[in-house]
Amino acid sequence: MGKPQYTQKFRKDWLNNNQFKDWLVEVEDDETKARCKYCKCDIIAKNYDLTKHLTTKKHRTASSAFSTSRNLSKFMKPEKSNKSNSAEGSLSLFIAAHTSILPVNHLGELCKNVFQGCDSANELKLHRSKCTNIIVNVLAPHFNYDLLNSIGSGHYSILIDESTDYKCY
């Protein structure tokens, strides 16, 4: 009778290994397994099995889709002027502070019609989804960073006072 098989656990240093780092992820609920991002399959967490997986036809086919470089210029539109980007950002900030996002589709068209001679208004393409993305991905991180710089890492509290200073006589 042979030696009992040793149960290998997933090693974090495999994630830094040049052979494995692009496709290997840890399986959260089972430390004896690893997962291939490309093939979407689980592999026994042994160096031999991981290396063997690299040579399988399934893995080579699945990884080829990720390794081909694509030219992004095919998917990107020519960059607009900074003025139109600034206008879209300013309108998004106004919307975030003062109104809902629902009327943005009409606001963009209104600006185009009213400010016809202005180049930035002609290039303006602001609708609900773009306005939402500007608020979430550009404005919110900026103001979050600004707030964290202002308050630092110390403790703070928020005080909301809904009383008014208006006195009735």
C-alpha atoms as a PDB file:
ATOM      1  CA  MET A   1       0.000   0.000   0.000  1.00  0.00           C
ATOM      2  CA  GLY A   2       1.324   3.496  -0.934  1.00  0.00           C
ATOM      3  CA  LYS A   3       1.698   6.652   1.088  1.00  0.00           C
ATOM      4  CA  PRO A   4      -1.475   8.598   1.809  1.00  0.00           C
ATOM      5  CA  GLN A   5      -2.021  11.483  -0.604  1.00  0.00           C
ATOM      6  CA  TYR A   6      -1.171  14.919   0.804  1.00  0.00           C
ATOM      7  CA  THR A   7      -3.963  17.480   0.384  1.00  0.00           C
ATOM      8  CA  GLN A   8      -2.427  20.592  -1.159  1.00  0.00           C
ATOM      9  CA  LYS A   9      -3.983  23.951  -0.321  1.00  0.00           C
ATOM     10  CA  PHE A  10      -4.128  26.954  -2.625  1.00  0.00           C
ATOM     11  CA  ARG A  11      -0.966  29.083  -2.407  1.00  0.00           C
ATOM     12  CA  LYS A  12      -1.253  32.849  -2.684  1.00  0.00           C
ATOM     13  CA  ASP A  13       2.215  33.059  -4.282  1.00  0.00           C
ATOM     14  CA  TRP A  14       0.790  31.311  -7.381  1.00  0.00           C
ATOM     15  CA  LEU A  15      -1.043  34.562  -8.098  1.00  0.00           C
ATOM     16  CA  ASN A  16       2.365  36.214  -8.660  1.00  0.00           C
ATOM     17  CA  ASN A  17       3.723  33.390 -10.808  1.00  0.00           C
ATOM     18  CA  ASN A  18       4.069  34.466 -14.462  1.00  0.00           C
ATOM     19  CA  GLN A  19       2.535  31.193 -15.671  1.00  0.00           C
ATOM     20  CA  PHE A  20      -0.565  31.498 -13.527  1.00  0.00           C
ATOM     21  CA  LYS A  21      -1.193  35.140 -12.601  1.00  0.00           C
ATOM     22  CA  ASP A  22      -3.346  36.064 -15.625  1.00  0.00           C
ATOM     23  CA  TRP A  23      -5.896  33.296 -15.267  1.00  0.00           C
ATOM     24  CA  LEU A  24      -5.728  31.733 -11.799  1.00  0.00           C
ATOM     25  CA  VAL A  25      -8.053  32.728  -8.955  1.00  0.00           C
ATOM     26  CA  GLU A  26      -8.664  31.290  -5.519  1.00  0.00           C
ATOM     27  CA  VAL A  27     -11.861  29.366  -4.805  1.00  0.00           C
ATOM     28  CA  GLU A  28     -13.394  31.024  -1.753  1.00  0.00           C
ATOM     29  CA  ASP A  29     -15.226  28.061  -0.228  1.00  0.00           C
ATOM     30  CA  ASP A  30     -12.680  25.312  -0.995  1.00  0.00           C
ATOM     31  CA  GLU A  31      -8.992  25.875  -0.245  1.00  0.00           C
ATOM     32  CA  THR A  32      -8.006  22.656  -2.042  1.00  0.00           C
ATOM     33  CA  LYS A  33      -9.109  24.044  -5.422  1.00  0.00           C
ATOM     34  CA  ALA A  34      -8.176  26.824  -7.812  1.00  0.00           C
ATOM     35  CA  ARG A  35     -10.285  28.318 -10.601  1.00  0.00           C
ATOM     36  CA  CYS A  36      -9.370  29.201 -14.178  1.00  0.00           C
ATOM     37  CA  LYS A  37     -10.885  32.568 -15.165  1.00  0.00           C
ATOM     38  CA  TYR A  38     -10.746  31.680 -18.844  1.00  0.00           C
ATOM     39  CA  CYS A  39     -12.240  28.176 -18.758  1.00  0.00           C
ATOM     40  CA  LYS A  40     -14.467  28.829 -15.742  1.00  0.00           C
ATOM     41  CA  CYS A  41     -13.529  25.488 -14.240  1.00  0.00           C
ATOM     42  CA  ASP A  42     -12.087  24.325 -10.918  1.00  0.00           C
ATOM     43  CA  ILE A  43      -8.702  22.611 -10.743  1.00  0.00           C
ATOM     44  CA  ILE A  44      -7.131  20.699  -7.866  1.00  0.00           C
ATOM     45  CA  ALA A  45      -4.714  23.082  -6.156  1.00  0.00           C
ATOM     46  CA  LYS A  46      -1.498  21.299  -7.057  1.00  0.00           C
ATOM     47  CA  ASN A  47       1.330  22.818  -9.042  1.00  0.00           C
ATOM     48  CA  TYR A  48       1.402  19.787 -11.342  1.00  0.00           C
ATOM     49  CA  ASP A  49      -2.335  20.015 -12.112  1.00  0.00           C
ATOM     50  CA  LEU A  50      -2.149  23.768 -12.730  1.00  0.00           C
ATOM     51  CA  THR A  51       0.776  23.360 -15.114  1.00  0.00           C
ATOM     52  CA  LYS A  52      -1.012  20.486 -16.844  1.00  0.00           C
ATOM     53  CA  HIS A  53      -4.145  22.649 -17.245  1.00  0.00           C
ATOM     54  CA  LEU A  54      -2.083  25.201 -19.194  1.00  0.00           C
ATOM     55  CA  THR A  55      -1.510  22.640 -21.943  1.00  0.00           C
ATOM     56  CA  THR A  56      -5.119  21.537 -22.389  1.00  0.00           C
ATOM     57  CA  LYS A  57      -6.934  22.403 -25.598  1.00  0.00           C
ATOM     58  CA  LYS A  58      -9.824  23.900 -23.615  1.00  0.00           C
ATOM     59  CA  HIS A  59      -7.524  26.362 -21.847  1.00  0.00           C
ATOM     60  CA  ARG A  60      -5.572  27.319 -24.972  1.00  0.00           C
ATOM     61  CA  THR A  61      -8.808  28.003 -26.856  1.00  0.00           C
ATOM     62  CA  ALA A  62     -10.369  29.987 -24.010  1.00  0.00           C
ATOM     63  CA  SER A  63      -7.227  32.032 -23.323  1.00  0.00           C
ATOM     64  CA  SER A  64      -6.690  32.941 -26.987  1.00  0.00           C
ATOM     65  CA  ALA A  65      -9.693  35.272 -26.846  1.00  0.00           C
ATOM     66  CA  PHE A  66      -8.033  37.196 -24.009  1.00  0.00           C
ATOM     67  CA  SER A  67      -4.554  37.352 -25.494  1.00  0.00           C
ATOM     68  CA  THR A  68      -5.404  39.029 -28.792  1.00  0.00           C
ATOM     69  CA  SER A  69      -4.808  42.723 -28.582  1.00  0.00           C
ATOM     70  CA  ARG A  70      -7.522  44.923 -29.935  1.00  0.00           C
ATOM     71  CA  ASN A  71      -7.045  48.433 -31.182  1.00  0.00           C
ATOM     72  CA  LEU A  72      -9.235  50.703 -29.071  1.00  0.00           C
ATOM     73  CA  SER A  73      -9.316  53.398 -31.731  1.00  0.00           C
ATOM     74  CA  LYS A  74     -11.910  51.326 -33.595  1.00  0.00           C
ATOM     75  CA  PHE A  75     -14.284  51.619 -30.658  1.00  0.00           C
ATOM     76  CA  MET A  76     -13.593  55.186 -29.595  1.00  0.00           C
ATOM     77  CA  LYS A  77     -15.118  58.264 -31.118  1.00  0.00           C
ATOM     78  CA  PRO A  78     -12.946  61.314 -31.762  1.00  0.00           C
ATOM     79  CA  GLU A  79     -12.396  63.293 -28.607  1.00  0.00           C
ATOM     80  CA  LYS A  80     -14.651  66.271 -28.095  1.00  0.00           C
ATOM     81  CA  SER A  81     -13.406  69.675 -27.097  1.00  0.00           C
ATOM     82  CA  ASN A  82     -12.659  70.388 -23.467  1.00  0.00           C
ATOM     83  CA  LYS A  83     -15.415  72.996 -23.478  1.00  0.00           C
ATOM     84  CA  SER A  84     -18.121  70.463 -24.270  1.00  0.00           C
ATOM     85  CA  ASN A  85     -16.689  68.062 -21.667  1.00  0.00           C
ATOM     86  CA  SER A  86     -16.712  70.904 -19.170  1.00  0.00           C
ATOM     87  CA  ALA A  87     -20.284  71.788 -20.103  1.00  0.00           C
ATOM     88  CA  GLU A  88     -21.409  68.183 -19.642  1.00  0.00           C
ATOM     89  CA  GLY A  89     -19.630  68.015 -16.273  1.00  0.00           C
ATOM     90  CA  SER A  90     -21.126  71.317 -15.125  1.00  0.00           C
ATOM     91  CA  LEU A  91     -24.636  70.312 -16.150  1.00  0.00           C
ATOM     92  CA  SER A  92     -24.198  66.953 -14.403  1.00  0.00           C
ATOM     93  CA  LEU A  93     -23.065  68.711 -11.229  1.00  0.00           C
ATOM     94  CA  PHE A  94     -26.083  71.024 -11.396  1.00  0.00           C
ATOM     95  CA  ILE A  95     -28.396  68.042 -11.906  1.00  0.00           C
ATOM     96  CA  ALA A  96     -26.817  66.168  -8.983  1.00  0.00           C
ATOM     97  CA  ALA A  97     -27.226  69.141  -6.652  1.00  0.00           C
ATOM     98  CA  HIS A  98     -30.612  70.543  -7.674  1.00  0.00           C
ATOM     99  CA  THR A  99     -32.859  68.139  -9.562  1.00  0.00           C
ATOM    100  CA  SER A 100     -33.478  64.562 -10.622  1.00  0.00           C
ATOM    101  CA  ILE A 101     -31.791  62.906 -13.587  1.00  0.00           C
ATOM    102  CA  LEU A 102     -35.064  62.298 -15.448  1.00  0.00           C
ATOM    103  CA  PRO A 103     -35.220  65.627 -17.387  1.00  0.00           C
ATOM    104  CA  VAL A 104     -31.604  65.425 -18.609  1.00  0.00           C
ATOM    105  CA  ASN A 105     -32.562  64.003 -22.019  1.00  0.00           C
ATOM    106  CA  HIS A 106     -34.608  67.106 -22.721  1.00  0.00           C
ATOM    107  CA  LEU A 107     -32.125  69.509 -21.143  1.00  0.00           C
ATOM    108  CA  GLY A 108     -29.356  68.452 -23.512  1.00  0.00           C
ATOM    109  CA  GLU A 109     -31.573  69.006 -26.543  1.00  0.00           C
ATOM    110  CA  LEU A 110     -32.776  72.328 -25.134  1.00  0.00           C
ATOM    111  CA  CYS A 111     -29.189  73.562 -24.747  1.00  0.00           C
ATOM    112  CA  LYS A 112     -28.441  72.584 -28.349  1.00  0.00           C
ATOM    113  CA  ASN A 113     -31.464  74.522 -29.625  1.00  0.00           C
ATOM    114  CA  VAL A 114     -31.051  77.616 -27.478  1.00  0.00           C
ATOM    115  CA  PHE A 115     -27.259  77.980 -27.815  1.00  0.00           C
ATOM    116  CA  GLN A 116     -26.971  77.143 -31.532  1.00  0.00           C
ATOM    117  CA  GLY A 117     -23.957  79.376 -32.208  1.00  0.00           C
ATOM    118  CA  CYS A 118     -21.883  77.801 -29.425  1.00  0.00           C
ATOM    119  CA  ASP A 119     -19.563  74.944 -30.462  1.00  0.00           C
ATOM    120  CA  SER A 120     -19.640  73.270 -27.053  1.00  0.00           C
ATOM    121  CA  ALA A 121     -23.458  73.270 -27.112  1.00  0.00           C
ATOM    122  CA  ASN A 122     -23.466  71.709 -30.591  1.00  0.00           C
ATOM    123  CA  GLU A 123     -21.142  68.922 -29.378  1.00  0.00           C
ATOM    124  CA  LEU A 124     -23.184  68.406 -26.202  1.00  0.00           C
ATOM    125  CA  LYS A 125     -24.448  64.846 -25.885  1.00  0.00           C
ATOM    126  CA  LEU A 126     -25.810  64.477 -22.383  1.00  0.00           C
ATOM    127  CA  HIS A 127     -28.548  62.006 -21.570  1.00  0.00           C
ATOM    128  CA  ARG A 128     -29.587  60.163 -18.409  1.00  0.00           C
ATOM    129  CA  SER A 129     -27.117  57.288 -18.590  1.00  0.00           C
ATOM    130  CA  LYS A 130     -24.144  59.533 -19.399  1.00  0.00           C
ATOM    131  CA  CYS A 131     -25.141  62.034 -16.710  1.00  0.00           C
ATOM    132  CA  THR A 132     -25.423  59.207 -14.178  1.00  0.00           C
ATOM    133  CA  ASN A 133     -21.992  57.887 -15.163  1.00  0.00           C
ATOM    134  CA  ILE A 134     -20.426  61.349 -14.878  1.00  0.00           C
ATOM    135  CA  ILE A 135     -21.936  61.793 -11.414  1.00  0.00           C
ATOM    136  CA  VAL A 136     -20.974  58.312 -10.174  1.00  0.00           C
ATOM    137  CA  ASN A 137     -17.566  57.881 -11.831  1.00  0.00           C
ATOM    138  CA  VAL A 138     -16.199  61.441 -12.048  1.00  0.00           C
ATOM    139  CA  LEU A 139     -17.894  63.850  -9.655  1.00  0.00           C
ATOM    140  CA  ALA A 140     -18.471  61.513  -6.681  1.00  0.00           C
ATOM    141  CA  PRO A 141     -14.846  60.267  -6.511  1.00  0.00           C
ATOM    142  CA  HIS A 142     -13.592  63.863  -6.822  1.00  0.00           C
ATOM    143  CA  PHE A 143     -15.752  65.151  -3.981  1.00  0.00           C
ATOM    144  CA  ASN A 144     -15.095  62.040  -1.893  1.00  0.00           C
ATOM    145  CA  TYR A 145     -11.334  62.594  -2.265  1.00  0.00           C
ATOM    146  CA  ASP A 146     -11.768  66.298  -1.483  1.00  0.00           C
ATOM    147  CA  LEU A 147     -13.792  65.502   1.634  1.00  0.00           C
ATOM    148  CA  LEU A 148     -11.271  62.927   2.860  1.00  0.00           C
ATOM    149  CA  ASN A 149      -8.477  65.475   2.396  1.00  0.00           C
ATOM    150  CA  SER A 150     -10.464  68.042   4.379  1.00  0.00           C
ATOM    151  CA  ILE A 151     -11.340  65.866   7.376  1.00  0.00           C
ATOM    152  CA  GLY A 152      -8.214  63.702   7.331  1.00  0.00           C
ATOM    153  CA  SER A 153      -8.101  60.368   9.112  1.00  0.00           C
ATOM    154  CA  GLY A 154      -9.362  61.695  12.431  1.00  0.00           C
ATOM    155  CA  HIS A 155     -12.755  61.079  13.968  1.00  0.00           C
ATOM    156  CA  TYR A 156     -15.657  63.235  12.900  1.00  0.00           C
ATOM    157  CA  SER A 157     -19.370  63.523  13.370  1.00  0.00           C
ATOM    158  CA  ILE A 158     -22.127  64.957  11.250  1.00  0.00           C
ATOM    159  CA  LEU A 159     -24.507  67.418  12.847  1.00  0.00           C
ATOM    160  CA  ILE A 160     -27.748  68.183  11.082  1.00  0.00           C
ATOM    161  CA  ASP A 161     -29.618  71.181  12.375  1.00  0.00           C
ATOM    162  CA  GLU A 162     -33.034  71.660  10.845  1.00  0.00           C
ATOM    163  CA  SER A 163     -33.932  74.617  12.991  1.00  0.00           C
ATOM    164  CA  THR A 164     -34.095  78.080  11.464  1.00  0.00           C
ATOM    165  CA  ASP A 165     -32.654  81.298  12.773  1.00  0.00           C
ATOM    166  CA  TYR A 166     -35.897  83.112  11.921  1.00  0.00           C
ATOM    167  CA  LYS A 167     -37.611  84.544  14.971  1.00  0.00           C
ATOM    168  CA  CYS A 168     -41.275  85.511  15.061  1.00  0.00           C
ATOM    169  CA  TYR A 169     -42.295  88.402  17.280  1.00  0.00           C
END
